[in-house]
Amino acid sequence: MHANTPSDVPARLEALGLLGGLPRLALHAQVAAALQVVFQIRRTPQGRVLESICLLLPEGPDRLVTAVPAWVRGRGLGLAARALGNLIRSRDVPVPPILCEPWPGSAARSGAPT
């Protein structure tokens, strides 16, 4: 699917769902059940690069899916990084070390016991 940003993905899916007659809330329920990770790929003169990784997370009373950054090129970990690590771990896949590191300001970083 093409979207300019990961945050545009839910709207793109909504448009496709409406074409098929799927109500908005039903589409978001389907997306939340079937899709979890969005990889944003950018084309450069040198080739394609991974720009960001986001999780599609249901939020609010209607459980509408939102793209929440887990990692962004040039900025590092995002709010969904820990959830991405848990998702990977739940699939019995080795978790990349960056997702296992203590978060800035956490007890482990300050020297307190974990």
N, C-alpha and C. Protein backbone atom coordinates (compact mmCIF):
# COMPACT_ATOMS: atom_id res chain seq x y z
N MET A 1 0.83 -1.15 0.00
CA MET A 1 0.00 0.00 0.00
C MET A 1 0.89 1.24 0.00
N HIS A 2 0.45 2.28 -0.67
CA HIS A 2 1.19 3.53 -0.65
C HIS A 2 0.48 4.51 0.28
N ALA A 3 1.25 5.10 1.18
CA ALA A 3 0.78 6.21 2.02
C ALA A 3 1.99 7.11 2.23
N ASN A 4 1.76 8.40 2.33
CA ASN A 4 2.88 9.33 2.49
C ASN A 4 3.56 9.19 3.83
N THR A 5 2.81 8.86 4.86
CA THR A 5 3.36 8.67 6.20
C THR A 5 2.63 7.50 6.86
N PRO A 6 3.23 6.89 7.86
CA PRO A 6 2.53 5.81 8.56
C PRO A 6 1.20 6.28 9.17
N SER A 7 1.12 7.53 9.60
CA SER A 7 -0.13 8.01 10.18
C SER A 7 -1.25 8.10 9.14
N ASP A 8 -0.91 8.06 7.85
CA ASP A 8 -1.91 8.06 6.79
C ASP A 8 -2.48 6.66 6.51
N VAL A 9 -1.85 5.62 7.03
CA VAL A 9 -2.28 4.25 6.73
C VAL A 9 -3.72 3.99 7.14
N PRO A 10 -4.14 4.33 8.37
CA PRO A 10 -5.54 4.06 8.72
C PRO A 10 -6.54 4.73 7.77
N ALA A 11 -6.27 5.96 7.35
CA ALA A 11 -7.17 6.65 6.43
C ALA A 11 -7.21 5.96 5.07
N ARG A 12 -6.06 5.48 4.59
CA ARG A 12 -6.03 4.75 3.32
C ARG A 12 -6.86 3.48 3.41
N LEU A 13 -6.72 2.77 4.53
CA LEU A 13 -7.50 1.55 4.73
C LEU A 13 -8.99 1.85 4.86
N GLU A 14 -9.33 2.96 5.52
CA GLU A 14 -10.73 3.36 5.63
C GLU A 14 -11.32 3.59 4.24
N ALA A 15 -10.59 4.28 3.37
CA ALA A 15 -11.08 4.55 2.02
C ALA A 15 -11.33 3.25 1.26
N LEU A 16 -10.40 2.31 1.38
CA LEU A 16 -10.58 1.02 0.71
C LEU A 16 -11.76 0.25 1.29
N GLY A 17 -11.91 0.30 2.62
CA GLY A 17 -13.02 -0.39 3.27
C GLY A 17 -14.37 0.19 2.85
N LEU A 18 -14.45 1.51 2.76
CA LEU A 18 -15.70 2.15 2.36
C LEU A 18 -16.08 1.77 0.93
N LEU A 19 -15.08 1.62 0.07
CA LEU A 19 -15.36 1.18 -1.31
C LEU A 19 -16.01 -0.20 -1.32
N GLY A 20 -15.64 -1.03 -0.35
CA GLY A 20 -16.21 -2.37 -0.25
C GLY A 20 -17.44 -2.44 0.64
N GLY A 21 -17.89 -1.29 1.15
CA GLY A 21 -19.09 -1.26 1.98
C GLY A 21 -18.86 -1.62 3.44
N LEU A 22 -17.62 -1.59 3.90
CA LEU A 22 -17.31 -1.94 5.28
C LEU A 22 -17.39 -0.68 6.14
N PRO A 23 -18.23 -0.68 7.18
CA PRO A 23 -18.31 0.50 8.06
C PRO A 23 -16.97 0.77 8.74
N ARG A 24 -16.77 2.04 9.11
CA ARG A 24 -15.49 2.48 9.69
C ARG A 24 -15.09 1.65 10.91
N LEU A 25 -15.99 1.47 11.86
CA LEU A 25 -15.64 0.73 13.07
C LEU A 25 -15.32 -0.73 12.77
N ALA A 26 -16.04 -1.32 11.83
CA ALA A 26 -15.76 -2.71 11.44
C ALA A 26 -14.39 -2.81 10.79
N LEU A 27 -14.04 -1.83 9.96
CA LEU A 27 -12.72 -1.84 9.33
C LEU A 27 -11.63 -1.75 10.39
N HIS A 28 -11.79 -0.86 11.35
CA HIS A 28 -10.76 -0.71 12.38
C HIS A 28 -10.64 -1.98 13.22
N ALA A 29 -11.75 -2.66 13.46
CA ALA A 29 -11.70 -3.93 14.19
C ALA A 29 -10.92 -4.97 13.38
N GLN A 30 -11.14 -5.00 12.08
CA GLN A 30 -10.43 -5.94 11.21
C GLN A 30 -8.94 -5.61 11.16
N VAL A 31 -8.61 -4.33 11.04
CA VAL A 31 -7.21 -3.91 10.99
C VAL A 31 -6.51 -4.27 12.30
N ALA A 32 -7.15 -3.99 13.43
CA ALA A 32 -6.55 -4.28 14.73
C ALA A 32 -6.30 -5.77 14.90
N ALA A 33 -7.15 -6.60 14.31
CA ALA A 33 -7.00 -8.04 14.43
C ALA A 33 -5.97 -8.61 13.46
N ALA A 34 -5.73 -7.92 12.35
CA ALA A 34 -4.91 -8.51 11.29
C ALA A 34 -3.57 -7.84 11.05
N LEU A 35 -3.47 -6.55 11.29
CA LEU A 35 -2.24 -5.80 10.99
C LEU A 35 -1.68 -5.22 12.26
N GLN A 36 -0.38 -5.34 12.44
CA GLN A 36 0.22 -4.83 13.66
C GLN A 36 1.39 -3.88 13.42
N VAL A 37 2.15 -4.10 12.36
CA VAL A 37 3.37 -3.32 12.15
C VAL A 37 3.35 -2.70 10.75
N VAL A 38 3.79 -1.44 10.69
CA VAL A 38 3.94 -0.73 9.41
C VAL A 38 5.41 -0.36 9.27
N PHE A 39 6.00 -0.73 8.14
CA PHE A 39 7.36 -0.34 7.80
C PHE A 39 7.27 0.76 6.74
N GLN A 40 7.83 1.92 7.03
CA GLN A 40 7.86 3.00 6.06
C GLN A 40 9.19 2.94 5.33
N ILE A 41 9.12 2.74 4.02
CA ILE A 41 10.30 2.64 3.17
C ILE A 41 10.37 3.91 2.32
N ARG A 42 11.55 4.50 2.25
CA ARG A 42 11.75 5.70 1.45
C ARG A 42 12.75 5.40 0.35
N ARG A 43 12.49 5.92 -0.83
CA ARG A 43 13.44 5.78 -1.93
C ARG A 43 14.44 6.92 -1.89
N THR A 44 15.71 6.56 -2.10
CA THR A 44 16.77 7.55 -2.17
C THR A 44 17.57 7.26 -3.44
N PRO A 45 18.46 8.16 -3.85
CA PRO A 45 19.30 7.87 -5.01
C PRO A 45 20.15 6.61 -4.82
N GLN A 46 20.45 6.27 -3.56
CA GLN A 46 21.26 5.08 -3.27
C GLN A 46 20.42 3.81 -3.16
N GLY A 47 19.12 3.94 -3.16
CA GLY A 47 18.23 2.79 -3.03
C GLY A 47 17.19 3.03 -1.95
N ARG A 48 16.53 1.99 -1.54
CA ARG A 48 15.48 2.10 -0.53
C ARG A 48 16.07 2.02 0.88
N VAL A 49 15.52 2.83 1.78
CA VAL A 49 15.95 2.80 3.17
C VAL A 49 14.72 2.71 4.07
N LEU A 50 14.92 2.07 5.22
CA LEU A 50 13.87 2.00 6.22
C LEU A 50 13.80 3.34 6.94
N GLU A 51 12.67 4.00 6.85
CA GLU A 51 12.50 5.33 7.44
C GLU A 51 11.91 5.24 8.85
N SER A 52 10.95 4.33 9.03
CA SER A 52 10.36 4.19 10.37
C SER A 52 9.64 2.85 10.49
N ILE A 53 9.41 2.47 11.75
CA ILE A 53 8.62 1.30 12.09
C ILE A 53 7.56 1.78 13.06
N CYS A 54 6.30 1.49 12.76
CA CYS A 54 5.20 1.90 13.62
C CYS A 54 4.32 0.70 13.94
N LEU A 55 3.68 0.76 15.08
CA LEU A 55 2.66 -0.23 15.43
C LEU A 55 1.30 0.38 15.18
N LEU A 56 0.38 -0.43 14.68
CA LEU A 56 -1.00 0.00 14.54
C LEU A 56 -1.72 -0.40 15.81
N LEU A 57 -2.04 0.58 16.64
CA LEU A 57 -2.63 0.32 17.95
C LEU A 57 -4.03 0.92 18.05
N PRO A 58 -4.99 0.14 18.53
CA PRO A 58 -6.34 0.69 18.72
C PRO A 58 -6.37 1.62 19.93
N GLU A 59 -7.03 2.77 19.78
CA GLU A 59 -7.09 3.76 20.85
C GLU A 59 -8.49 4.33 20.97
N GLY A 60 -8.78 4.85 22.13
CA GLY A 60 -10.05 5.53 22.37
C GLY A 60 -11.22 4.58 22.53
N PRO A 61 -12.39 5.15 22.83
CA PRO A 61 -13.57 4.32 23.09
C PRO A 61 -14.02 3.52 21.86
N ASP A 62 -13.77 4.04 20.67
CA ASP A 62 -14.16 3.31 19.45
C ASP A 62 -13.07 2.37 18.96
N ARG A 63 -11.90 2.36 19.66
CA ARG A 63 -10.78 1.48 19.31
C ARG A 63 -10.32 1.72 17.86
N LEU A 64 -10.24 2.99 17.46
CA LEU A 64 -9.76 3.32 16.12
C LEU A 64 -8.25 3.13 16.09
N VAL A 65 -7.75 2.54 15.03
CA VAL A 65 -6.33 2.22 14.90
C VAL A 65 -5.53 3.49 14.58
N THR A 66 -4.42 3.64 15.27
CA THR A 66 -3.50 4.76 15.08
C THR A 66 -2.09 4.21 14.89
N ALA A 67 -1.32 4.83 14.02
CA ALA A 67 0.08 4.44 13.82
C ALA A 67 0.93 5.14 14.89
N VAL A 68 1.58 4.33 15.74
CA VAL A 68 2.40 4.87 16.83
C VAL A 68 3.86 4.48 16.55
N PRO A 69 4.77 5.45 16.46
CA PRO A 69 6.17 5.13 16.13
C PRO A 69 6.85 4.25 17.18
N ALA A 70 7.56 3.24 16.68
CA ALA A 70 8.41 2.40 17.53
C ALA A 70 9.87 2.78 17.31
N TRP A 71 10.19 3.18 16.08
CA TRP A 71 11.55 3.60 15.73
C TRP A 71 11.46 4.52 14.52
N VAL A 72 12.24 5.61 14.54
CA VAL A 72 12.28 6.55 13.42
C VAL A 72 13.74 6.86 13.11
N ARG A 73 14.10 6.74 11.84
CA ARG A 73 15.47 7.05 11.41
C ARG A 73 15.85 8.45 11.85
N GLY A 74 17.01 8.57 12.46
CA GLY A 74 17.51 9.87 12.90
C GLY A 74 17.00 10.31 14.27
N ARG A 75 15.97 9.64 14.78
CA ARG A 75 15.44 10.00 16.10
C ARG A 75 15.51 8.84 17.09
N GLY A 76 15.55 7.62 16.58
CA GLY A 76 15.65 6.47 17.47
C GLY A 76 14.30 5.93 17.91
N LEU A 77 14.27 5.41 19.13
CA LEU A 77 13.08 4.74 19.64
C LEU A 77 11.92 5.69 19.84
N GLY A 78 10.72 5.16 19.60
CA GLY A 78 9.50 5.93 19.79
C GLY A 78 8.65 5.32 20.90
N LEU A 79 7.48 5.86 21.07
CA LEU A 79 6.59 5.45 22.16
C LEU A 79 6.19 3.97 22.10
N ALA A 80 6.16 3.38 20.92
CA ALA A 80 5.73 1.98 20.79
C ALA A 80 6.89 1.00 20.77
N ALA A 81 8.11 1.45 21.08
CA ALA A 81 9.28 0.57 21.01
C ALA A 81 9.14 -0.63 21.94
N ARG A 82 8.74 -0.39 23.16
CA ARG A 82 8.61 -1.48 24.12
C ARG A 82 7.54 -2.47 23.66
N ALA A 83 6.42 -1.96 23.15
CA ALA A 83 5.35 -2.83 22.64
C ALA A 83 5.85 -3.66 21.45
N LEU A 84 6.70 -3.06 20.61
CA LEU A 84 7.27 -3.81 19.49
C LEU A 84 8.16 -4.94 19.99
N GLY A 85 8.98 -4.66 20.99
CA GLY A 85 9.81 -5.70 21.59
C GLY A 85 8.97 -6.83 22.16
N ASN A 86 7.88 -6.49 22.84
CA ASN A 86 6.98 -7.52 23.39
C ASN A 86 6.32 -8.34 22.29
N LEU A 87 5.94 -7.67 21.20
CA LEU A 87 5.32 -8.37 20.07
C LEU A 87 6.31 -9.36 19.45
N ILE A 88 7.54 -8.92 19.25
CA ILE A 88 8.57 -9.79 18.69
C ILE A 88 8.83 -10.98 19.62
N ARG A 89 8.96 -10.69 20.90
CA ARG A 89 9.20 -11.74 21.90
C ARG A 89 8.06 -12.75 21.92
N SER A 90 6.82 -12.29 21.77
CA SER A 90 5.65 -13.19 21.81
C SER A 90 5.64 -14.16 20.63
N ARG A 91 6.43 -13.85 19.60
CA ARG A 91 6.53 -14.72 18.42
C ARG A 91 7.74 -15.64 18.50
N ASP A 92 8.38 -15.69 19.67
CA ASP A 92 9.58 -16.50 19.90
C ASP A 92 10.70 -16.16 18.92
N VAL A 93 10.84 -14.86 18.66
CA VAL A 93 11.90 -14.35 17.79
C VAL A 93 12.85 -13.54 18.66
N PRO A 94 14.16 -13.67 18.46
CA PRO A 94 15.10 -12.87 19.25
C PRO A 94 14.81 -11.37 19.08
N VAL A 95 14.77 -10.68 20.18
CA VAL A 95 14.47 -9.24 20.17
C VAL A 95 15.77 -8.47 19.94
N PRO A 96 15.78 -7.53 18.98
CA PRO A 96 16.99 -6.73 18.77
C PRO A 96 17.42 -6.04 20.07
N PRO A 97 18.71 -5.99 20.34
CA PRO A 97 19.21 -5.40 21.60
C PRO A 97 18.68 -4.01 21.89
N ILE A 98 18.50 -3.20 20.87
CA ILE A 98 18.04 -1.82 21.11
C ILE A 98 16.66 -1.80 21.78
N LEU A 99 15.86 -2.84 21.54
CA LEU A 99 14.53 -2.89 22.16
C LEU A 99 14.57 -3.50 23.55
N CYS A 100 15.72 -3.97 23.97
CA CYS A 100 15.88 -4.56 25.31
C CYS A 100 16.54 -3.61 26.28
N GLU A 101 17.10 -2.53 25.80
CA GLU A 101 17.82 -1.59 26.66
C GLU A 101 16.85 -0.85 27.57
N PRO A 102 17.31 -0.48 28.79
CA PRO A 102 16.47 0.33 29.67
C PRO A 102 16.16 1.67 29.01
N TRP A 103 15.02 2.20 29.32
CA TRP A 103 14.62 3.50 28.78
C TRP A 103 15.32 4.61 29.54
N PRO A 104 15.59 5.73 28.89
CA PRO A 104 16.19 6.87 29.60
C PRO A 104 15.35 7.23 30.83
N GLY A 105 16.03 7.40 31.96
CA GLY A 105 15.33 7.77 33.17
C GLY A 105 14.75 6.60 33.95
N SER A 106 14.89 5.38 33.40
CA SER A 106 14.33 4.22 34.10
C SER A 106 15.22 3.87 35.28
N ALA A 107 14.72 3.02 36.18
CA ALA A 107 15.46 2.63 37.37
C ALA A 107 16.77 1.95 37.01
N ALA A 108 16.79 1.15 35.93
CA ALA A 108 18.00 0.43 35.53
C ALA A 108 19.10 1.40 35.11
N ARG A 109 18.76 2.49 34.50
CA ARG A 109 19.75 3.46 34.07
C ARG A 109 20.32 4.24 35.24
N SER A 110 19.48 4.49 36.25
CA SER A 110 19.94 5.32 37.36
C SER A 110 20.76 4.53 38.37
N GLY A 111 20.93 3.23 38.12
CA GLY A 111 21.73 2.42 39.01
C GLY A 111 20.91 1.70 40.07
N ALA A 112 19.61 1.94 40.11
CA ALA A 112 18.75 1.24 41.07
C ALA A 112 18.58 -0.20 40.64
N PRO A 113 18.35 -1.12 41.57
CA PRO A 113 18.18 -2.52 41.20
C PRO A 113 16.93 -2.71 40.33
N THR A 114 17.00 -3.70 39.44
CA THR A 114 15.87 -3.98 38.55
C THR A 114 15.16 -5.23 38.97
